């Protein structure tokens, strides 16, 4: 089916300006191409939001973007101590001590101490 020759949009001039700028940024020639891309992106956003929502409280994030940023920070190790401490608390009822949090690279003694703590009844 060939696209119609007239506009598929009924919007305000400011919105039309944004739409046209986005078409140019993406090098698209037809409005239906951008509408299709935006609908796909909206569907992806809803899927990602559904996956991230359960993690937002644990990561103390108020938006999906904040949750994603927190996950990236945890992955990169910036909040590793918080994630590990929370996991230890939930799994074994113990937490990292302040002295262990301050270690950049845990020493063998710190690892043994943690192992002994985890083995304790």
PDB file of N, CA and C in Angstrom:
ATOM      1  N   UNK A   1       0.846  -1.176   0.000  1.00  0.00           N
ATOM      2  CA  UNK A   1       0.000   0.000   0.000  1.00  0.00           C
ATOM      3  C   UNK A   1       0.890   1.238   0.000  1.00  0.00           C
ATOM      4  N   UNK A   2       0.570   2.152  -0.841  1.00  0.00           N
ATOM      5  CA  UNK A   2       1.335   3.391  -0.936  1.00  0.00           C
ATOM      6  C   UNK A   2       0.867   4.367   0.138  1.00  0.00           C
ATOM      7  N   UNK A   3       1.810   5.111   0.727  1.00  0.00           N
ATOM      8  CA  UNK A   3       1.415   6.117   1.709  1.00  0.00           C
ATOM      9  C   UNK A   3       0.608   7.235   1.072  1.00  0.00           C
ATOM     10  N   UNK A   4      -0.258   7.841   1.860  1.00  0.00           N
ATOM     11  CA  UNK A   4      -1.063   8.963   1.379  1.00  0.00           C
ATOM     12  C   UNK A   4      -0.177  10.171   1.138  1.00  0.00           C
ATOM     13  N   UNK A   5      -0.624  11.042   0.272  1.00  0.00           N
ATOM     14  CA  UNK A   5       0.144  12.248  -0.055  1.00  0.00           C
ATOM     15  C   UNK A   5      -0.061  13.355   0.971  1.00  0.00           C
ATOM     16  N   UNK A   6      -1.149  13.265   1.744  1.00  0.00           N
ATOM     17  CA  UNK A   6      -1.399  14.315   2.731  1.00  0.00           C
ATOM     18  C   UNK A   6      -0.835  13.899   4.094  1.00  0.00           C
ATOM     19  N   UNK A   7      -0.779  14.861   4.987  1.00  0.00           N
ATOM     20  CA  UNK A   7      -0.200  14.637   6.295  1.00  0.00           C
ATOM     21  C   UNK A   7      -1.057  13.686   7.128  1.00  0.00           C
ATOM     22  N   UNK A   8      -0.396  12.827   7.882  1.00  0.00           N
ATOM     23  CA  UNK A   8      -1.119  11.943   8.809  1.00  0.00           C
ATOM     24  C   UNK A   8      -1.188  12.564  10.202  1.00  0.00           C
ATOM     25  N   UNK A   9      -0.601  13.755  10.340  1.00  0.00           N
ATOM     26  CA  UNK A   9      -0.557  14.424  11.630  1.00  0.00           C
ATOM     27  C   UNK A   9      -1.527  15.596  11.690  1.00  0.00           C
ATOM     28  N   UNK A  10      -2.099  15.746  12.845  1.00  0.00           N
ATOM     29  CA  UNK A  10      -2.908  16.917  13.137  1.00  0.00           C
ATOM     30  C   UNK A  10      -2.381  17.438  14.469  1.00  0.00           C
ATOM     31  N   UNK A  11      -1.428  18.354  14.384  1.00  0.00           N
ATOM     32  CA  UNK A  11      -0.766  18.798  15.604  1.00  0.00           C
ATOM     33  C   UNK A  11      -0.533  20.307  15.583  1.00  0.00           C
ATOM     34  N   UNK A  12      -0.066  20.790  16.709  1.00  0.00           N
ATOM     35  CA  UNK A  12       0.267  22.203  16.847  1.00  0.00           C
ATOM     36  C   UNK A  12       1.555  22.516  16.079  1.00  0.00           C
ATOM     37  N   UNK A  13       1.747  23.769  15.711  1.00  0.00           N
ATOM     38  CA  UNK A  13       2.961  24.129  14.959  1.00  0.00           C
ATOM     39  C   UNK A  13       4.263  23.732  15.667  1.00  0.00           C
ATOM     40  N   UNK A  14       4.306  23.879  16.998  1.00  0.00           N
ATOM     41  CA  UNK A  14       5.517  23.509  17.739  1.00  0.00           C
ATOM     42  C   UNK A  14       5.779  22.007  17.623  1.00  0.00           C
ATOM     43  N   UNK A  15       4.714  21.205  17.706  1.00  0.00           N
ATOM     44  CA  UNK A  15       4.861  19.760  17.587  1.00  0.00           C
ATOM     45  C   UNK A  15       5.302  19.377  16.179  1.00  0.00           C
ATOM     46  N   UNK A  16       4.776  20.039  15.184  1.00  0.00           N
ATOM     47  CA  UNK A  16       5.151  19.783  13.795  1.00  0.00           C
ATOM     48  C   UNK A  16       6.624  20.099  13.580  1.00  0.00           C
ATOM     49  N   UNK A  17       7.096  21.176  14.203  1.00  0.00           N
ATOM     50  CA  UNK A  17       8.509  21.539  14.102  1.00  0.00           C
ATOM     51  C   UNK A  17       9.388  20.443  14.700  1.00  0.00           C
ATOM     52  N   UNK A  18       8.992  19.939  15.868  1.00  0.00           N
ATOM     53  CA  UNK A  18       9.744  18.849  16.502  1.00  0.00           C
ATOM     54  C   UNK A  18       9.718  17.584  15.644  1.00  0.00           C
ATOM     55  N   UNK A  19       8.549  17.285  15.091  1.00  0.00           N
ATOM     56  CA  UNK A  19       8.385  16.108  14.247  1.00  0.00           C
ATOM     57  C   UNK A  19       9.293  16.207  13.020  1.00  0.00           C
ATOM     58  N   UNK A  20       9.262  17.363  12.366  1.00  0.00           N
ATOM     59  CA  UNK A  20      10.096  17.566  11.182  1.00  0.00           C
ATOM     60  C   UNK A  20      11.588  17.474  11.523  1.00  0.00           C
ATOM     61  N   UNK A  21      11.976  18.043  12.664  1.00  0.00           N
ATOM     62  CA  UNK A  21      13.379  17.987  13.083  1.00  0.00           C
ATOM     63  C   UNK A  21      13.807  16.536  13.333  1.00  0.00           C
ATOM     64  N   UNK A  22      12.917  15.754  13.909  1.00  0.00           N
ATOM     65  CA  UNK A  22      13.234  14.346  14.164  1.00  0.00           C
ATOM     66  C   UNK A  22      13.334  13.556  12.866  1.00  0.00           C
ATOM     67  N   UNK A  23      12.459  13.854  11.918  1.00  0.00           N
ATOM     68  CA  UNK A  23      12.543  13.205  10.608  1.00  0.00           C
ATOM     69  C   UNK A  23      13.885  13.519   9.946  1.00  0.00           C
ATOM     70  N   UNK A  24      14.296  14.765  10.037  1.00  0.00           N
ATOM     71  CA  UNK A  24      15.573  15.164   9.441  1.00  0.00           C
ATOM     72  C   UNK A  24      16.741  14.490  10.155  1.00  0.00           C
ATOM     73  N   UNK A  25      16.685  14.451  11.496  1.00  0.00           N
ATOM     74  CA  UNK A  25      17.759  13.819  12.279  1.00  0.00           C
ATOM     75  C   UNK A  25      17.932  12.355  11.901  1.00  0.00           C
ATOM     76  N   UNK A  26      16.819  11.679  11.630  1.00  0.00           N
ATOM     77  CA  UNK A  26      16.850  10.253  11.283  1.00  0.00           C
ATOM     78  C   UNK A  26      16.953  10.010   9.777  1.00  0.00           C
ATOM     79  N   UNK A  27      17.014  11.066   9.019  1.00  0.00           N
ATOM     80  CA  UNK A  27      17.094  10.980   7.545  1.00  0.00           C
ATOM     81  C   UNK A  27      15.920  10.203   6.957  1.00  0.00           C
ATOM     82  N   UNK A  28      14.715  10.538   7.397  1.00  0.00           N
ATOM     83  CA  UNK A  28      13.504   9.890   6.900  1.00  0.00           C
ATOM     84  C   UNK A  28      12.795  10.825   5.929  1.00  0.00           C
ATOM     85  N   UNK A  29      12.199  10.248   4.887  1.00  0.00           N
ATOM     86  CA  UNK A  29      11.531  11.048   3.868  1.00  0.00           C
ATOM     87  C   UNK A  29      10.023  11.122   4.069  1.00  0.00           C
ATOM     88  N   UNK A  30       9.457  10.135   4.774  1.00  0.00           N
ATOM     89  CA  UNK A  30       8.002  10.061   4.909  1.00  0.00           C
ATOM     90  C   UNK A  30       7.592  10.021   6.382  1.00  0.00           C
ATOM     91  N   UNK A  31       6.472  10.700   6.653  1.00  0.00           N
ATOM     92  CA  UNK A  31       5.978  10.758   8.022  1.00  0.00           C
ATOM     93  C   UNK A  31       5.663   9.377   8.588  1.00  0.00           C
ATOM     94  N   UNK A  32       5.113   8.490   7.764  1.00  0.00           N
ATOM     95  CA  UNK A  32       4.753   7.160   8.267  1.00  0.00           C
ATOM     96  C   UNK A  32       5.976   6.387   8.764  1.00  0.00           C
ATOM     97  N   UNK A  33       7.161   6.688   8.219  1.00  0.00           N
ATOM     98  CA  UNK A  33       8.386   6.024   8.685  1.00  0.00           C
ATOM     99  C   UNK A  33       8.707   6.427  10.117  1.00  0.00           C
ATOM    100  N   UNK A  34       8.555   7.714  10.405  1.00  0.00           N
ATOM    101  CA  UNK A  34       8.826   8.183  11.768  1.00  0.00           C
ATOM    102  C   UNK A  34       7.753   7.709  12.729  1.00  0.00           C
ATOM    103  N   UNK A  35       6.497   7.744  12.311  1.00  0.00           N
ATOM    104  CA  UNK A  35       5.415   7.281  13.184  1.00  0.00           C
ATOM    105  C   UNK A  35       5.648   5.808  13.548  1.00  0.00           C
ATOM    106  N   UNK A  36       6.002   4.988  12.566  1.00  0.00           N
ATOM    107  CA  UNK A  36       6.282   3.575  12.829  1.00  0.00           C
ATOM    108  C   UNK A  36       7.439   3.396  13.800  1.00  0.00           C
ATOM    109  N   UNK A  37       8.513   4.156  13.603  1.00  0.00           N
ATOM    110  CA  UNK A  37       9.675   4.066  14.492  1.00  0.00           C
ATOM    111  C   UNK A  37       9.320   4.501  15.911  1.00  0.00           C
ATOM    112  N   UNK A  38       8.560   5.584  16.023  1.00  0.00           N
ATOM    113  CA  UNK A  38       8.171   6.075  17.351  1.00  0.00           C
ATOM    114  C   UNK A  38       7.248   5.088  18.063  1.00  0.00           C
ATOM    115  N   UNK A  39       6.355   4.438  17.326  1.00  0.00           N
ATOM    116  CA  UNK A  39       5.478   3.430  17.935  1.00  0.00           C
ATOM    117  C   UNK A  39       6.291   2.234  18.430  1.00  0.00           C
ATOM    118  N   UNK A  40       7.268   1.805  17.640  1.00  0.00           N
ATOM    119  CA  UNK A  40       8.144   0.711  18.074  1.00  0.00           C
ATOM    120  C   UNK A  40       8.922   1.089  19.325  1.00  0.00           C
ATOM    121  N   UNK A  41       9.466   2.300  19.341  1.00  0.00           N
ATOM    122  CA  UNK A  41      10.227   2.761  20.499  1.00  0.00           C
ATOM    123  C   UNK A  41       9.348   2.874  21.736  1.00  0.00           C
ATOM    124  N   UNK A  42       8.101   3.290  21.565  1.00  0.00           N
ATOM    125  CA  UNK A  42       7.169   3.364  22.698  1.00  0.00           C
ATOM    126  C   UNK A  42       6.898   1.966  23.247  1.00  0.00           C
ATOM    127  N   UNK A  43       6.768   0.989  22.372  1.00  0.00           N
ATOM    128  CA  UNK A  43       6.554  -0.399  22.821  1.00  0.00           C
ATOM    129  C   UNK A  43       7.777  -0.913  23.574  1.00  0.00           C
ATOM    130  N   UNK A  44       8.974  -0.622  23.070  1.00  0.00           N
ATOM    131  CA  UNK A  44      10.195  -1.036  23.768  1.00  0.00           C
ATOM    132  C   UNK A  44      10.279  -0.371  25.132  1.00  0.00           C
ATOM    133  N   UNK A  45       9.946   0.915  25.205  1.00  0.00           N
ATOM    134  CA  UNK A  45       9.972   1.634  26.476  1.00  0.00           C
ATOM    135  C   UNK A  45       9.035   0.971  27.484  1.00  0.00           C
ATOM    136  N   UNK A  46       7.813   0.643  27.055  1.00  0.00           N
ATOM    137  CA  UNK A  46       6.864   0.005  27.978  1.00  0.00           C
ATOM    138  C   UNK A  46       7.386  -1.341  28.470  1.00  0.00           C
ATOM    139  N   UNK A  47       8.023  -2.100  27.591  1.00  0.00           N
ATOM    140  CA  UNK A  47       8.590  -3.385  27.992  1.00  0.00           C
ATOM    141  C   UNK A  47       9.722  -3.194  28.994  1.00  0.00           C
ATOM    142  N   UNK A  48      10.601  -2.244  28.726  1.00  0.00           N
ATOM    143  CA  UNK A  48      11.712  -1.983  29.642  1.00  0.00           C
ATOM    144  C   UNK A  48      11.203  -1.442  30.972  1.00  0.00           C
ATOM    145  N   UNK A  49      10.201  -0.578  30.921  1.00  0.00           N
ATOM    146  CA  UNK A  49       9.622  -0.035  32.145  1.00  0.00           C
ATOM    147  C   UNK A  49       9.037  -1.158  33.000  1.00  0.00           C
ATOM    148  N   UNK A  50       8.364  -2.105  32.371  1.00  0.00           N
ATOM    149  CA  UNK A  50       7.790  -3.235  33.108  1.00  0.00           C
ATOM    150  C   UNK A  50       8.881  -4.082  33.758  1.00  0.00           C
ATOM    151  N   UNK A  51      10.023  -4.231  33.099  1.00  0.00           N
ATOM    152  CA  UNK A  51      11.133  -5.009  33.654  1.00  0.00           C
ATOM    153  C   UNK A  51      11.852  -4.254  34.769  1.00  0.00           C
ATOM    154  N   UNK A  52      11.963  -2.933  34.637  1.00  0.00           N
ATOM    155  CA  UNK A  52      12.705  -2.132  35.609  1.00  0.00           C
ATOM    156  C   UNK A  52      11.886  -1.763  36.843  1.00  0.00           C
ATOM    157  N   UNK A  53      10.579  -1.677  36.706  1.00  0.00           N
ATOM    158  CA  UNK A  53       9.726  -1.229  37.813  1.00  0.00           C
ATOM    159  C   UNK A  53       9.927  -2.002  39.111  1.00  0.00           C
ATOM    160  N   UNK A  54      10.004  -3.338  39.080  1.00  0.00           N
ATOM    161  CA  UNK A  54      10.192  -4.064  40.339  1.00  0.00           C
ATOM    162  C   UNK A  54      11.519  -3.756  41.040  1.00  0.00           C
ATOM    163  N   UNK A  55      12.494  -3.244  40.302  1.00  0.00           N
ATOM    164  CA  UNK A  55      13.808  -2.953  40.880  1.00  0.00           C
ATOM    165  C   UNK A  55      13.928  -1.531  41.412  1.00  0.00           C
ATOM    166  N   UNK A  56      12.992  -0.673  41.055  1.00  0.00           N
ATOM    167  CA  UNK A  56      13.135   0.750  41.372  1.00  0.00           C
ATOM    168  C   UNK A  56      13.205   1.024  42.871  1.00  0.00           C
ATOM    169  N   UNK A  57      12.400   0.349  43.671  1.00  0.00           N
ATOM    170  CA  UNK A  57      12.424   0.594  45.113  1.00  0.00           C
ATOM    171  C   UNK A  57      13.742   0.150  45.733  1.00  0.00           C
ATOM    172  N   UNK A  58      14.203  -1.030  45.358  1.00  0.00           N
ATOM    173  CA  UNK A  58      15.461  -1.542  45.907  1.00  0.00           C
ATOM    174  C   UNK A  58      16.642  -0.660  45.530  1.00  0.00           C
ATOM    175  N   UNK A  59      16.583  -0.067  44.349  1.00  0.00           N
ATOM    176  CA  UNK A  59      17.673   0.790  43.883  1.00  0.00           C
ATOM    177  C   UNK A  59      17.437   2.261  44.219  1.00  0.00           C
ATOM    178  N   UNK A  60      16.357   2.538  44.918  1.00  0.00           N
ATOM    179  CA  UNK A  60      16.003   3.891  45.349  1.00  0.00           C
ATOM    180  C   UNK A  60      15.945   4.849  44.164  1.00  0.00           C
ATOM    181  N   UNK A  61      15.242   4.423  43.124  1.00  0.00           N
ATOM    182  CA  UNK A  61      15.098   5.240  41.921  1.00  0.00           C
ATOM    183  C   UNK A  61      13.631   5.591  41.727  1.00  0.00           C
ATOM    184  N   UNK A  62      13.369   6.795  41.261  1.00  0.00           N
ATOM    185  CA  UNK A  62      11.981   7.248  41.100  1.00  0.00           C
ATOM    186  C   UNK A  62      11.488   7.193  39.657  1.00  0.00           C
ATOM    187  N   UNK A  63      12.401   6.983  38.718  1.00  0.00           N
ATOM    188  CA  UNK A  63      12.017   6.916  37.303  1.00  0.00           C
ATOM    189  C   UNK A  63      12.678   5.700  36.657  1.00  0.00           C
ATOM    190  N   UNK A  64      12.146   5.240  35.532  1.00  0.00           N
ATOM    191  CA  UNK A  64      12.813   4.131  34.834  1.00  0.00           C
ATOM    192  C   UNK A  64      14.255   4.468  34.450  1.00  0.00           C
ATOM    193  N   UNK A  65      14.500   5.697  34.040  1.00  0.00           N
ATOM    194  CA  UNK A  65      15.859   6.100  33.693  1.00  0.00           C
ATOM    195  C   UNK A  65      16.765   6.067  34.923  1.00  0.00           C
ATOM    196  N   UNK A  66      16.241   6.501  36.061  1.00  0.00           N
ATOM    197  CA  UNK A  66      17.001   6.436  37.311  1.00  0.00           C
ATOM    198  C   UNK A  66      17.318   4.999  37.704  1.00  0.00           C
ATOM    199  N   UNK A  67      16.358   4.102  37.496  1.00  0.00           N
ATOM    200  CA  UNK A  67      16.577   2.686  37.783  1.00  0.00           C
ATOM    201  C   UNK A  67      17.667   2.129  36.883  1.00  0.00           C
ATOM    202  N   UNK A  68      17.600   2.463  35.617  1.00  0.00           N
ATOM    203  CA  UNK A  68      18.615   1.993  34.671  1.00  0.00           C
ATOM    204  C   UNK A  68      19.996   2.529  35.046  1.00  0.00           C
ATOM    205  N   UNK A  69      20.068   3.798  35.404  1.00  0.00           N
ATOM    206  CA  UNK A  69      21.354   4.379  35.820  1.00  0.00           C
ATOM    207  C   UNK A  69      21.895   3.681  37.063  1.00  0.00           C
ATOM    208  N   UNK A  70      21.011   3.368  38.015  1.00  0.00           N
ATOM    209  CA  UNK A  70      21.442   2.665  39.226  1.00  0.00           C
ATOM    210  C   UNK A  70      21.941   1.266  38.902  1.00  0.00           C
ATOM    211  N   UNK A  71      21.249   0.579  38.009  1.00  0.00           N
ATOM    212  CA  UNK A  71      21.706  -0.754  37.596  1.00  0.00           C
ATOM    213  C   UNK A  71      23.081  -0.689  36.950  1.00  0.00           C
ATOM    214  N   UNK A  72      23.290   0.308  36.114  1.00  0.00           N
ATOM    215  CA  UNK A  72      24.591   0.471  35.464  1.00  0.00           C
ATOM    216  C   UNK A  72      25.656   0.760  36.516  1.00  0.00           C
ATOM    217  N   UNK A  73      25.333   1.610  37.481  1.00  0.00           N
ATOM    218  CA  UNK A  73      26.289   1.926  38.546  1.00  0.00           C
ATOM    219  C   UNK A  73      26.628   0.686  39.361  1.00  0.00           C
ATOM    220  N   UNK A  74      25.621  -0.133  39.671  1.00  0.00           N
ATOM    221  CA  UNK A  74      25.878  -1.370  40.407  1.00  0.00           C
ATOM    222  C   UNK A  74      26.759  -2.288  39.567  1.00  0.00           C
ATOM    223  N   UNK A  75      26.423  -2.408  38.288  1.00  0.00           N
ATOM    224  CA  UNK A  75      27.208  -3.255  37.395  1.00  0.00           C
ATOM    225  C   UNK A  75      28.655  -2.786  37.327  1.00  0.00           C
ATOM    226  N   UNK A  76      28.853  -1.492  37.313  1.00  0.00           N
ATOM    227  CA  UNK A  76      30.204  -0.945  37.224  1.00  0.00           C
ATOM    228  C   UNK A  76      30.904  -0.910  38.580  1.00  0.00           C
ATOM    229  N   UNK A  77      30.205  -1.271  39.640  1.00  0.00           N
ATOM    230  CA  UNK A  77      30.827  -1.363  40.946  1.00  0.00           C
ATOM    231  C   UNK A  77      30.714  -0.151  41.832  1.00  0.00           C
ATOM    232  N   UNK A  78      30.081   0.930  41.363  1.00  0.00           N
ATOM    233  CA  UNK A  78      29.995   2.141  42.173  1.00  0.00           C
ATOM    234  C   UNK A  78      29.150   1.938  43.419  1.00  0.00           C
ATOM    235  N   UNK A  79      28.133   1.087  43.327  1.00  0.00           N
ATOM    236  CA  UNK A  79      27.274   0.830  44.481  1.00  0.00           C
ATOM    237  C   UNK A  79      27.363  -0.634  44.892  1.00  0.00           C
ATOM    238  N   UNK A  80      28.486  -1.247  44.623  1.00  0.00           N
ATOM    239  CA  UNK A  80      28.666  -2.673  44.874  1.00  0.00           C
ATOM    240  C   UNK A  80      28.430  -3.002  46.342  1.00  0.00           C
ATOM    241  N   UNK A  81      28.959  -2.172  47.239  1.00  0.00           N
ATOM    242  CA  UNK A  81      28.807  -2.471  48.655  1.00  0.00           C
ATOM    243  C   UNK A  81      27.345  -2.470  49.084  1.00  0.00           C
ATOM    244  N   UNK A  82      26.536  -1.565  48.542  1.00  0.00           N
ATOM    245  CA  UNK A  82      25.122  -1.506  48.886  1.00  0.00           C
ATOM    246  C   UNK A  82      24.411  -2.753  48.376  1.00  0.00           C
ATOM    247  N   UNK A  83      24.688  -3.132  47.150  1.00  0.00           N
ATOM    248  CA  UNK A  83      24.049  -4.312  46.566  1.00  0.00           C
ATOM    249  C   UNK A  83      24.461  -5.577  47.306  1.00  0.00           C
ATOM    250  N   UNK A  84      25.750  -5.702  47.611  1.00  0.00           N
ATOM    251  CA  UNK A  84      26.237  -6.883  48.324  1.00  0.00           C
ATOM    252  C   UNK A  84      25.664  -6.922  49.731  1.00  0.00           C
ATOM    253  N   UNK A  85      25.663  -5.782  50.407  1.00  0.00           N
ATOM    254  CA  UNK A  85      25.127  -5.733  51.761  1.00  0.00           C
ATOM    255  C   UNK A  85      23.647  -6.107  51.791  1.00  0.00           C
ATOM    256  N   UNK A  86      22.883  -5.596  50.848  1.00  0.00           N
ATOM    257  CA  UNK A  86      21.458  -5.930  50.765  1.00  0.00           C
ATOM    258  C   UNK A  86      21.271  -7.414  50.504  1.00  0.00           C
ATOM    259  N   UNK A  87      22.061  -7.960  49.600  1.00  0.00           N
ATOM    260  CA  UNK A  87      21.968  -9.389  49.300  1.00  0.00           C
ATOM    261  C   UNK A  87      22.325 -10.227  50.535  1.00  0.00           C
ATOM    262  N   UNK A  88      23.398  -9.854  51.206  1.00  0.00           N
ATOM    263  CA  UNK A  88      23.797 -10.593  52.408  1.00  0.00           C
ATOM    264  C   UNK A  88      22.718 -10.527  53.480  1.00  0.00           C
ATOM    265  N   UNK A  89      22.112  -9.356  53.642  1.00  0.00           N
ATOM    266  CA  UNK A  89      21.054  -9.190  54.639  1.00  0.00           C
ATOM    267  C   UNK A  89      19.862 -10.071  54.302  1.00  0.00           C
ATOM    268  N   UNK A  90      19.461 -10.071  53.045  1.00  0.00           N
ATOM    269  CA  UNK A  90      18.301 -10.865  52.645  1.00  0.00           C
ATOM    270  C   UNK A  90      18.588 -12.359  52.692  1.00  0.00           C
ATOM    271  N   UNK A  91      19.780 -12.743  52.274  1.00  0.00           N
ATOM    272  CA  UNK A  91      20.096 -14.164  52.153  1.00  0.00           C
ATOM    273  C   UNK A  91      20.515 -14.788  53.483  1.00  0.00           C
ATOM    274  N   UNK A  92      21.398 -14.096  54.220  1.00  0.00           N
ATOM    275  CA  UNK A  92      21.955 -14.691  55.431  1.00  0.00           C
ATOM    276  C   UNK A  92      21.748 -13.867  56.694  1.00  0.00           C
ATOM    277  N   UNK A  93      21.087 -12.753  56.607  1.00  0.00           N
ATOM    278  CA  UNK A  93      20.820 -11.946  57.795  1.00  0.00           C
ATOM    279  C   UNK A  93      22.040 -11.226  58.337  1.00  0.00           C
ATOM    280  N   UNK A  94      23.033 -10.929  57.484  1.00  0.00           N
ATOM    281  CA  UNK A  94      24.214 -10.191  57.923  1.00  0.00           C
ATOM    282  C   UNK A  94      24.487  -9.067  56.933  1.00  0.00           C
ATOM    283  N   UNK A  95      25.355  -8.146  57.333  1.00  0.00           N
ATOM    284  CA  UNK A  95      25.688  -7.003  56.476  1.00  0.00           C
ATOM    285  C   UNK A  95      27.191  -6.808  56.425  1.00  0.00           C
ATOM    286  N   UNK A  96      27.621  -6.034  55.439  1.00  0.00           N
ATOM    287  CA  UNK A  96      29.021  -5.645  55.390  1.00  0.00           C
ATOM    288  C   UNK A  96      29.284  -4.634  56.496  1.00  0.00           C
ATOM    289  N   UNK A  97      30.442  -4.715  57.097  1.00  0.00           N
ATOM    290  CA  UNK A  97      30.799  -3.724  58.107  1.00  0.00           C
ATOM    291  C   UNK A  97      31.392  -2.507  57.419  1.00  0.00           C
ATOM    292  N   UNK A  98      31.485  -1.427  58.132  1.00  0.00           N
ATOM    293  CA  UNK A  98      32.064  -0.206  57.542  1.00  0.00           C
ATOM    294  C   UNK A  98      33.498  -0.439  57.105  1.00  0.00           C
ATOM    295  N   UNK A  99      34.259  -1.188  57.890  1.00  0.00           N
ATOM    296  CA  UNK A  99      35.656  -1.411  57.524  1.00  0.00           C
ATOM    297  C   UNK A  99      35.754  -2.200  56.225  1.00  0.00           C
ATOM    298  N   UNK A 100      34.839  -3.131  56.001  1.00  0.00           N
ATOM    299  CA  UNK A 100      34.871  -3.907  54.761  1.00  0.00           C
ATOM    300  C   UNK A 100      34.423  -3.058  53.589  1.00  0.00           C
ATOM    301  N   UNK A 101      33.512  -2.130  53.813  1.00  0.00           N
ATOM    302  CA  UNK A 101      33.069  -1.253  52.726  1.00  0.00           C
ATOM    303  C   UNK A 101      34.180  -0.338  52.254  1.00  0.00           C
ATOM    304  N   UNK A 102      35.072   0.011  53.170  1.00  0.00           N
ATOM    305  CA  UNK A 102      36.128   0.951  52.811  1.00  0.00           C
ATOM    306  C   UNK A 102      37.244   0.294  52.012  1.00  0.00           C
ATOM    307  N   UNK A 103      37.265  -1.011  51.958  1.00  0.00           N
ATOM    308  CA  UNK A 103      38.300  -1.700  51.200  1.00  0.00           C
ATOM    309  C   UNK A 103      38.028  -1.604  49.707  1.00  0.00           C
ATOM    310  N   UNK A 104      38.988  -1.184  48.955  1.00  0.00           N
ATOM    311  CA  UNK A 104      38.827  -1.128  47.501  1.00  0.00           C
ATOM    312  C   UNK A 104      38.945  -2.540  46.926  1.00  0.00           C
ATOM    313  N   UNK A 105      39.990  -3.241  47.339  1.00  0.00           N
ATOM    314  CA  UNK A 105      40.174  -4.634  46.956  1.00  0.00           C
ATOM    315  C   UNK A 105      40.276  -5.441  48.243  1.00  0.00           C
ATOM    316  N   UNK A 106      39.330  -6.318  48.483  1.00  0.00           N
ATOM    317  CA  UNK A 106      39.358  -7.048  49.737  1.00  0.00           C
ATOM    318  C   UNK A 106      40.636  -7.875  49.893  1.00  0.00           C
ATOM    319  N   UNK A 107      41.221  -7.785  51.060  1.00  0.00           N
ATOM    320  CA  UNK A 107      42.405  -8.587  51.348  1.00  0.00           C
ATOM    321  C   UNK A 107      41.969 -10.012  51.649  1.00  0.00           C
ATOM    322  N   UNK A 108      42.941 -10.919  51.694  1.00  0.00           N
ATOM    323  CA  UNK A 108      42.623 -12.311  52.034  1.00  0.00           C
ATOM    324  C   UNK A 108      42.026 -12.394  53.429  1.00  0.00           C
ATOM    325  N   UNK A 109      42.533 -11.559  54.342  1.00  0.00           N
ATOM    326  CA  UNK A 109      42.013 -11.576  55.705  1.00  0.00           C
ATOM    327  C   UNK A 109      40.546 -11.129  55.720  1.00  0.00           C
ATOM    328  N   UNK A 110      40.217 -10.121  54.946  1.00  0.00           N
ATOM    329  CA  UNK A 110      38.833  -9.646  54.893  1.00  0.00           C
ATOM    330  C   UNK A 110      37.926 -10.700  54.285  1.00  0.00           C
ATOM    331  N   UNK A 111      38.411 -11.377  53.243  1.00  0.00           N
ATOM    332  CA  UNK A 111      37.619 -12.436  52.625  1.00  0.00           C
ATOM    333  C   UNK A 111      37.406 -13.577  53.607  1.00  0.00           C
ATOM    334  N   UNK A 112      38.464 -13.970  54.356  1.00  0.00           N
ATOM    335  CA  UNK A 112      38.309 -15.022  55.370  1.00  0.00           C
ATOM    336  C   UNK A 112      37.330 -14.593  56.443  1.00  0.00           C
ATOM    337  N   UNK A 113      37.424 -13.325  56.860  1.00  0.00           N
ATOM    338  CA  UNK A 113      36.516 -12.814  57.879  1.00  0.00           C
ATOM    339  C   UNK A 113      35.078 -12.887  57.407  1.00  0.00           C
ATOM    340  N   UNK A 114      34.843 -12.497  56.153  1.00  0.00           N
ATOM    341  CA  UNK A 114      33.506 -12.562  55.585  1.00  0.00           C
ATOM    342  C   UNK A 114      33.048 -14.013  55.494  1.00  0.00           C
ATOM    343  N   UNK A 115      33.927 -14.899  55.059  1.00  0.00           N
ATOM    344  CA  UNK A 115      33.568 -16.316  54.971  1.00  0.00           C
ATOM    345  C   UNK A 115      33.216 -16.874  56.338  1.00  0.00           C
ATOM    346  N   UNK A 116      33.995 -16.505  57.351  1.00  0.00           N
ATOM    347  CA  UNK A 116      33.708 -16.976  58.717  1.00  0.00           C
ATOM    348  C   UNK A 116      32.381 -16.422  59.221  1.00  0.00           C
ATOM    349  N   UNK A 117      32.109 -15.167  58.900  1.00  0.00           N
ATOM    350  CA  UNK A 117      30.854 -14.554  59.307  1.00  0.00           C
ATOM    351  C   UNK A 117      29.665 -15.264  58.673  1.00  0.00           C
ATOM    352  N   UNK A 118      29.816 -15.609  57.407  1.00  0.00           N
ATOM    353  CA  UNK A 118      28.735 -16.275  56.704  1.00  0.00           C
ATOM    354  C   UNK A 118      28.527 -17.702  57.196  1.00  0.00           C
ATOM    355  N   UNK A 119      29.568 -18.344  57.679  1.00  0.00           N
ATOM    356  CA  UNK A 119      29.440 -19.703  58.214  1.00  0.00           C
ATOM    357  C   UNK A 119      28.857 -19.730  59.603  1.00  0.00           C
ATOM    358  N   UNK A 120      28.985 -18.625  60.331  1.00  0.00           N
ATOM    359  CA  UNK A 120      28.498 -18.580  61.718  1.00  0.00           C
ATOM    360  C   UNK A 120      26.987 -18.823  61.755  1.00  0.00           C
ATOM    361  N   UNK A 121      26.524 -19.594  62.775  1.00  0.00           N
ATOM    362  CA  UNK A 121      25.093 -19.893  62.871  1.00  0.00           C
ATOM    363  C   UNK A 121      24.244 -18.678  63.153  1.00  0.00           C
TER     364      UNK A 121
END
